[in-house]
Amino acid sequence: MSDNLDREDQKTLKKINVNQAWEVRYWCEKLGLTESELRAAVKAVGNIVVDAEAYVAKLRNDKSSSPSMGM
């Protein structure tokens, strides 16, 4: 049986399940991440959506505010 995005109400998702392909696709699109970036975020802060969102926002803020080191 194929994954169906409509079977869950995405507005009520509070956790990221990286073992469900449809959730990985959904969260990658919603957060603007690659699969490996999403998995790294979940590994760093856990699978709670608000924690992952805050982590991604902090990384993006740090990246945009730090001067280039010319590496």
PDB file of N, CA and C in Angstrom:
ATOM      1  N   MET A   1       0.841  -1.180   0.000  1.00  0.00           N
ATOM      2  CA  MET A   1       0.000   0.000   0.000  1.00  0.00           C
ATOM      3  C   MET A   1       0.885   1.241   0.000  1.00  0.00           C
ATOM      4  N   SER A   2       0.574   2.163  -0.865  1.00  0.00           N
ATOM      5  CA  SER A   2       1.394   3.376  -0.963  1.00  0.00           C
ATOM      6  C   SER A   2       1.038   4.344   0.162  1.00  0.00           C
ATOM      7  N   ASP A   3       1.997   5.192   0.482  1.00  0.00           N
ATOM      8  CA  ASP A   3       1.767   6.198   1.516  1.00  0.00           C
ATOM      9  C   ASP A   3       0.786   7.232   1.011  1.00  0.00           C
ATOM     10  N   ASN A   4      -0.081   7.674   1.873  1.00  0.00           N
ATOM     11  CA  ASN A   4      -1.083   8.663   1.525  1.00  0.00           C
ATOM     12  C   ASN A   4      -0.957   9.827   2.492  1.00  0.00           C
ATOM     13  N   LEU A   5      -0.562  10.982   1.973  1.00  0.00           N
ATOM     14  CA  LEU A   5      -0.372  12.155   2.829  1.00  0.00           C
ATOM     15  C   LEU A   5      -1.662  12.589   3.508  1.00  0.00           C
ATOM     16  N   ASP A   6      -2.813  12.252   2.922  1.00  0.00           N
ATOM     17  CA  ASP A   6      -4.073  12.681   3.494  1.00  0.00           C
ATOM     18  C   ASP A   6      -4.503  11.847   4.690  1.00  0.00           C
ATOM     19  N   ARG A   7      -3.833  10.735   4.940  1.00  0.00           N
ATOM     20  CA  ARG A   7      -4.279   9.881   6.045  1.00  0.00           C
ATOM     21  C   ARG A   7      -3.988  10.499   7.408  1.00  0.00           C
ATOM     22  N   GLU A   8      -3.128  11.463   7.456  1.00  0.00           N
ATOM     23  CA  GLU A   8      -2.836  12.182   8.693  1.00  0.00           C
ATOM     24  C   GLU A   8      -3.125  13.659   8.445  1.00  0.00           C
ATOM     25  N   ASP A   9      -3.602  14.317   9.435  1.00  0.00           N
ATOM     26  CA  ASP A   9      -3.797  15.753   9.322  1.00  0.00           C
ATOM     27  C   ASP A   9      -2.471  16.408   9.697  1.00  0.00           C
ATOM     28  N   GLN A  10      -1.756  16.903   8.689  1.00  0.00           N
ATOM     29  CA  GLN A  10      -0.424  17.445   8.925  1.00  0.00           C
ATOM     30  C   GLN A  10      -0.429  18.592   9.923  1.00  0.00           C
ATOM     31  N   LYS A  11      -1.529  19.275  10.069  1.00  0.00           N
ATOM     32  CA  LYS A  11      -1.591  20.394  11.015  1.00  0.00           C
ATOM     33  C   LYS A  11      -1.477  19.920  12.461  1.00  0.00           C
ATOM     34  N   THR A  12      -1.765  18.650  12.713  1.00  0.00           N
ATOM     35  CA  THR A  12      -1.726  18.143  14.081  1.00  0.00           C
ATOM     36  C   THR A  12      -0.458  17.352  14.377  1.00  0.00           C
ATOM     37  N   LEU A  13       0.423  17.213  13.397  1.00  0.00           N
ATOM     38  CA  LEU A  13       1.658  16.467  13.630  1.00  0.00           C
ATOM     39  C   LEU A  13       2.543  17.234  14.605  1.00  0.00           C
ATOM     40  N   LYS A  14       2.947  16.561  15.662  1.00  0.00           N
ATOM     41  CA  LYS A  14       3.793  17.186  16.667  1.00  0.00           C
ATOM     42  C   LYS A  14       5.164  16.524  16.741  1.00  0.00           C
ATOM     43  N   LYS A  15       5.283  15.362  16.096  1.00  0.00           N
ATOM     44  CA  LYS A  15       6.549  14.639  16.086  1.00  0.00           C
ATOM     45  C   LYS A  15       6.911  14.275  14.657  1.00  0.00           C
ATOM     46  N   ILE A  16       8.206  14.166  14.408  1.00  0.00           N
ATOM     47  CA  ILE A  16       8.718  13.783  13.097  1.00  0.00           C
ATOM     48  C   ILE A  16       9.125  12.322  13.174  1.00  0.00           C
ATOM     49  N   ASN A  17       8.510  11.505  12.348  1.00  0.00           N
ATOM     50  CA  ASN A  17       8.853  10.091  12.305  1.00  0.00           C
ATOM     51  C   ASN A  17       9.717   9.858  11.070  1.00  0.00           C
ATOM     52  N   VAL A  18      11.027   9.767  11.268  1.00  0.00           N
ATOM     53  CA  VAL A  18      11.941   9.593  10.143  1.00  0.00           C
ATOM     54  C   VAL A  18      11.910   8.175   9.583  1.00  0.00           C
ATOM     55  N   ASN A  19      11.076   7.314  10.159  1.00  0.00           N
ATOM     56  CA  ASN A  19      10.920   5.954   9.650  1.00  0.00           C
ATOM     57  C   ASN A  19       9.723   5.822   8.719  1.00  0.00           C
ATOM     58  N   GLN A  20       9.021   6.915   8.516  1.00  0.00           N
ATOM     59  CA  GLN A  20       7.895   6.952   7.580  1.00  0.00           C
ATOM     60  C   GLN A  20       8.283   7.828   6.392  1.00  0.00           C
ATOM     61  N   ALA A  21       8.356   7.222   5.215  1.00  0.00           N
ATOM     62  CA  ALA A  21       8.810   7.943   4.014  1.00  0.00           C
ATOM     63  C   ALA A  21       7.962   9.180   3.736  1.00  0.00           C
ATOM     64  N   TRP A  22       6.644   9.065   3.908  1.00  0.00           N
ATOM     65  CA  TRP A  22       5.797  10.220   3.605  1.00  0.00           C
ATOM     66  C   TRP A  22       6.049  11.363   4.591  1.00  0.00           C
ATOM     67  N   GLU A  23       6.359  11.043   5.854  1.00  0.00           N
ATOM     68  CA  GLU A  23       6.665  12.104   6.808  1.00  0.00           C
ATOM     69  C   GLU A  23       8.002  12.746   6.495  1.00  0.00           C
ATOM     70  N   VAL A  24       8.976  11.966   6.093  1.00  0.00           N
ATOM     71  CA  VAL A  24      10.275  12.537   5.708  1.00  0.00           C
ATOM     72  C   VAL A  24      10.072  13.505   4.545  1.00  0.00           C
ATOM     73  N   ARG A  25       9.325  13.086   3.535  1.00  0.00           N
ATOM     74  CA  ARG A  25       9.056  13.982   2.393  1.00  0.00           C
ATOM     75  C   ARG A  25       8.328  15.243   2.852  1.00  0.00           C
ATOM     76  N   TYR A  26       7.315  15.072   3.685  1.00  0.00           N
ATOM     77  CA  TYR A  26       6.530  16.206   4.170  1.00  0.00           C
ATOM     78  C   TYR A  26       7.401  17.203   4.936  1.00  0.00           C
ATOM     79  N   TRP A  27       8.183  16.705   5.899  1.00  0.00           N
ATOM     80  CA  TRP A  27       8.978  17.609   6.732  1.00  0.00           C
ATOM     81  C   TRP A  27      10.131  18.228   5.958  1.00  0.00           C
ATOM     82  N   CYS A  28      10.709  17.497   5.021  1.00  0.00           N
ATOM     83  CA  CYS A  28      11.764  18.093   4.190  1.00  0.00           C
ATOM     84  C   CYS A  28      11.209  19.285   3.422  1.00  0.00           C
ATOM     85  N   GLU A  29      10.026  19.103   2.844  1.00  0.00           N
ATOM     86  CA  GLU A  29       9.413  20.199   2.084  1.00  0.00           C
ATOM     87  C   GLU A  29       9.010  21.350   3.011  1.00  0.00           C
ATOM     88  N   LYS A  30       8.385  21.022   4.115  1.00  0.00           N
ATOM     89  CA  LYS A  30       7.904  22.058   5.045  1.00  0.00           C
ATOM     90  C   LYS A  30       9.051  22.864   5.643  1.00  0.00           C
ATOM     91  N   LEU A  31      10.150  22.196   5.997  1.00  0.00           N
ATOM     92  CA  LEU A  31      11.270  22.876   6.638  1.00  0.00           C
ATOM     93  C   LEU A  31      12.348  23.323   5.660  1.00  0.00           C
ATOM     94  N   GLY A  32      12.213  22.952   4.388  1.00  0.00           N
ATOM     95  CA  GLY A  32      13.207  23.345   3.397  1.00  0.00           C
ATOM     96  C   GLY A  32      14.540  22.644   3.592  1.00  0.00           C
ATOM     97  N   LEU A  33      14.488  21.361   3.932  1.00  0.00           N
ATOM     98  CA  LEU A  33      15.690  20.594   4.211  1.00  0.00           C
ATOM     99  C   LEU A  33      15.829  19.412   3.261  1.00  0.00           C
ATOM    100  N   THR A  34      17.042  18.933   3.136  1.00  0.00           N
ATOM    101  CA  THR A  34      17.249  17.658   2.467  1.00  0.00           C
ATOM    102  C   THR A  34      16.947  16.569   3.493  1.00  0.00           C
ATOM    103  N   GLU A  35      16.853  15.327   3.021  1.00  0.00           N
ATOM    104  CA  GLU A  35      16.604  14.235   3.950  1.00  0.00           C
ATOM    105  C   GLU A  35      17.729  14.109   4.976  1.00  0.00           C
ATOM    106  N   SER A  36      18.961  14.238   4.523  1.00  0.00           N
ATOM    107  CA  SER A  36      20.083  14.110   5.462  1.00  0.00           C
ATOM    108  C   SER A  36      20.088  15.256   6.470  1.00  0.00           C
ATOM    109  N   GLU A  37      19.713  16.459   6.054  1.00  0.00           N
ATOM    110  CA  GLU A  37      19.625  17.589   6.987  1.00  0.00           C
ATOM    111  C   GLU A  37      18.513  17.363   8.009  1.00  0.00           C
ATOM    112  N   LEU A  38      17.382  16.829   7.546  1.00  0.00           N
ATOM    113  CA  LEU A  38      16.278  16.545   8.461  1.00  0.00           C
ATOM    114  C   LEU A  38      16.699  15.497   9.488  1.00  0.00           C
ATOM    115  N   ARG A  39      17.330  14.436   9.021  1.00  0.00           N
ATOM    116  CA  ARG A  39      17.774  13.377   9.936  1.00  0.00           C
ATOM    117  C   ARG A  39      18.804  13.917  10.940  1.00  0.00           C
ATOM    118  N   ALA A  40      19.681  14.796  10.481  1.00  0.00           N
ATOM    119  CA  ALA A  40      20.677  15.398  11.382  1.00  0.00           C
ATOM    120  C   ALA A  40      19.994  16.265  12.436  1.00  0.00           C
ATOM    121  N   ALA A  41      18.978  17.010  12.036  1.00  0.00           N
ATOM    122  CA  ALA A  41      18.245  17.856  12.981  1.00  0.00           C
ATOM    123  C   ALA A  41      17.547  17.001  14.034  1.00  0.00           C
ATOM    124  N   VAL A  42      16.894  15.931  13.593  1.00  0.00           N
ATOM    125  CA  VAL A  42      16.207  15.040  14.535  1.00  0.00           C
ATOM    126  C   VAL A  42      17.207  14.367  15.462  1.00  0.00           C
ATOM    127  N   LYS A  43      18.353  14.000  14.925  1.00  0.00           N
ATOM    128  CA  LYS A  43      19.391  13.388  15.754  1.00  0.00           C
ATOM    129  C   LYS A  43      19.910  14.384  16.800  1.00  0.00           C
ATOM    130  N   ALA A  44      20.017  15.649  16.414  1.00  0.00           N
ATOM    131  CA  ALA A  44      20.558  16.680  17.307  1.00  0.00           C
ATOM    132  C   ALA A  44      19.591  17.073  18.416  1.00  0.00           C
ATOM    133  N   VAL A  45      18.297  17.212  18.093  1.00  0.00           N
ATOM    134  CA  VAL A  45      17.357  17.749  19.084  1.00  0.00           C
ATOM    135  C   VAL A  45      16.165  16.856  19.375  1.00  0.00           C
ATOM    136  N   GLY A  46      16.062  15.739  18.695  1.00  0.00           N
ATOM    137  CA  GLY A  46      14.919  14.858  18.906  1.00  0.00           C
ATOM    138  C   GLY A  46      13.840  15.085  17.861  1.00  0.00           C
ATOM    139  N   ASN A  47      12.741  14.359  18.004  1.00  0.00           N
ATOM    140  CA  ASN A  47      11.720  14.359  16.959  1.00  0.00           C
ATOM    141  C   ASN A  47      10.532  15.289  17.202  1.00  0.00           C
ATOM    142  N   ILE A  48      10.614  16.130  18.210  1.00  0.00           N
ATOM    143  CA  ILE A  48       9.533  17.086  18.465  1.00  0.00           C
ATOM    144  C   ILE A  48       9.635  18.222  17.441  1.00  0.00           C
ATOM    145  N   VAL A  49       8.536  18.479  16.737  1.00  0.00           N
ATOM    146  CA  VAL A  49       8.534  19.434  15.628  1.00  0.00           C
ATOM    147  C   VAL A  49       9.032  20.813  16.044  1.00  0.00           C
ATOM    148  N   VAL A  50       8.528  21.357  17.145  1.00  0.00           N
ATOM    149  CA  VAL A  50       8.928  22.715  17.533  1.00  0.00           C
ATOM    150  C   VAL A  50      10.420  22.784  17.844  1.00  0.00           C
ATOM    151  N   ASP A  51      10.973  21.715  18.394  1.00  0.00           N
ATOM    152  CA  ASP A  51      12.413  21.685  18.670  1.00  0.00           C
ATOM    153  C   ASP A  51      13.210  21.651  17.368  1.00  0.00           C
ATOM    154  N   ALA A  52      12.757  20.855  16.423  1.00  0.00           N
ATOM    155  CA  ALA A  52      13.438  20.765  15.129  1.00  0.00           C
ATOM    156  C   ALA A  52      13.349  22.092  14.384  1.00  0.00           C
ATOM    157  N   GLU A  53      12.180  22.727  14.424  1.00  0.00           N
ATOM    158  CA  GLU A  53      12.017  24.029  13.767  1.00  0.00           C
ATOM    159  C   GLU A  53      12.949  25.071  14.380  1.00  0.00           C
ATOM    160  N   ALA A  54      13.041  25.094  15.698  1.00  0.00           N
ATOM    161  CA  ALA A  54      13.921  26.053  16.376  1.00  0.00           C
ATOM    162  C   ALA A  54      15.385  25.782  16.026  1.00  0.00           C
ATOM    163  N   TYR A  55      15.759  24.527  15.974  1.00  0.00           N
ATOM    164  CA  TYR A  55      17.122  24.138  15.630  1.00  0.00           C
ATOM    165  C   TYR A  55      17.470  24.600  14.216  1.00  0.00           C
ATOM    166  N   VAL A  56      16.578  24.350  13.273  1.00  0.00           N
ATOM    167  CA  VAL A  56      16.804  24.754  11.877  1.00  0.00           C
ATOM    168  C   VAL A  56      16.887  26.276  11.785  1.00  0.00           C
ATOM    169  N   ALA A  57      15.998  26.985  12.475  1.00  0.00           N
ATOM    170  CA  ALA A  57      16.013  28.448  12.450  1.00  0.00           C
ATOM    171  C   ALA A  57      17.322  28.986  13.017  1.00  0.00           C
ATOM    172  N   LYS A  58      17.789  28.384  14.104  1.00  0.00           N
ATOM    173  CA  LYS A  58      19.050  28.823  14.708  1.00  0.00           C
ATOM    174  C   LYS A  58      20.215  28.580  13.759  1.00  0.00           C
ATOM    175  N   LEU A  59      20.247  27.417  13.122  1.00  0.00           N
ATOM    176  CA  LEU A  59      21.318  27.132  12.160  1.00  0.00           C
ATOM    177  C   LEU A  59      21.313  28.131  11.015  1.00  0.00           C
ATOM    178  N   ARG A  60      20.130  28.425  10.511  1.00  0.00           N
ATOM    179  CA  ARG A  60      20.028  29.383   9.399  1.00  0.00           C
ATOM    180  C   ARG A  60      20.445  30.777   9.848  1.00  0.00           C
ATOM    181  N   ASN A  61      20.061  31.160  11.044  1.00  0.00           N
ATOM    182  CA  ASN A  61      20.427  32.472  11.572  1.00  0.00           C
ATOM    183  C   ASN A  61      21.935  32.558  11.781  1.00  0.00           C
ATOM    184  N   ASP A  62      22.504  31.507  12.375  1.00  0.00           N
ATOM    185  CA  ASP A  62      23.961  31.475  12.598  1.00  0.00           C
ATOM    186  C   ASP A  62      24.711  31.533  11.272  1.00  0.00           C
ATOM    187  N   LYS A  63      24.220  30.806  10.293  1.00  0.00           N
ATOM    188  CA  LYS A  63      24.878  30.752   8.997  1.00  0.00           C
ATOM    189  C   LYS A  63      24.806  32.120   8.283  1.00  0.00           C
ATOM    190  N   SER A  64      23.670  32.795   8.385  1.00  0.00           N
ATOM    191  CA  SER A  64      23.537  34.068   7.696  1.00  0.00           C
ATOM    192  C   SER A  64      24.239  35.210   8.419  1.00  0.00           C
ATOM    193  N   SER A  65      24.477  35.070   9.725  1.00  0.00           N
ATOM    194  CA  SER A  65      25.101  36.159  10.469  1.00  0.00           C
ATOM    195  C   SER A  65      26.612  35.988  10.624  1.00  0.00           C
ATOM    196  N   SER A  66      27.140  34.799  10.313  1.00  0.00           N
ATOM    197  CA  SER A  66      28.587  34.611  10.467  1.00  0.00           C
ATOM    198  C   SER A  66      29.308  35.004   9.189  1.00  0.00           C
ATOM    199  N   PRO A  67      30.401  35.714   9.326  1.00  0.00           N
ATOM    200  CA  PRO A  67      31.171  36.119   8.145  1.00  0.00           C
ATOM    201  C   PRO A  67      31.828  34.902   7.499  1.00  0.00           C
ATOM    202  N   SER A  68      32.004  34.992   6.220  1.00  0.00           N
ATOM    203  CA  SER A  68      32.646  33.896   5.496  1.00  0.00           C
ATOM    204  C   SER A  68      34.110  33.769   5.927  1.00  0.00           C
ATOM    205  N   MET A  69      34.516  32.541   6.154  1.00  0.00           N
ATOM    206  CA  MET A  69      35.885  32.299   6.592  1.00  0.00           C
ATOM    207  C   MET A  69      36.794  31.991   5.407  1.00  0.00           C
ATOM    208  N   GLY A  70      36.241  31.998   4.186  1.00  0.00           N
ATOM    209  CA  GLY A  70      37.046  31.759   3.008  1.00  0.00           C
ATOM    210  C   GLY A  70      37.555  30.335   2.886  1.00  0.00           C
ATOM    211  N   MET A  71      36.771  29.381   3.408  1.00  0.00           N
ATOM    212  CA  MET A  71      37.193  27.987   3.345  1.00  0.00           C
ATOM    213  C   MET A  71      36.846  27.354   2.060  1.00  0.00           C
TER     214      MET A  71
END
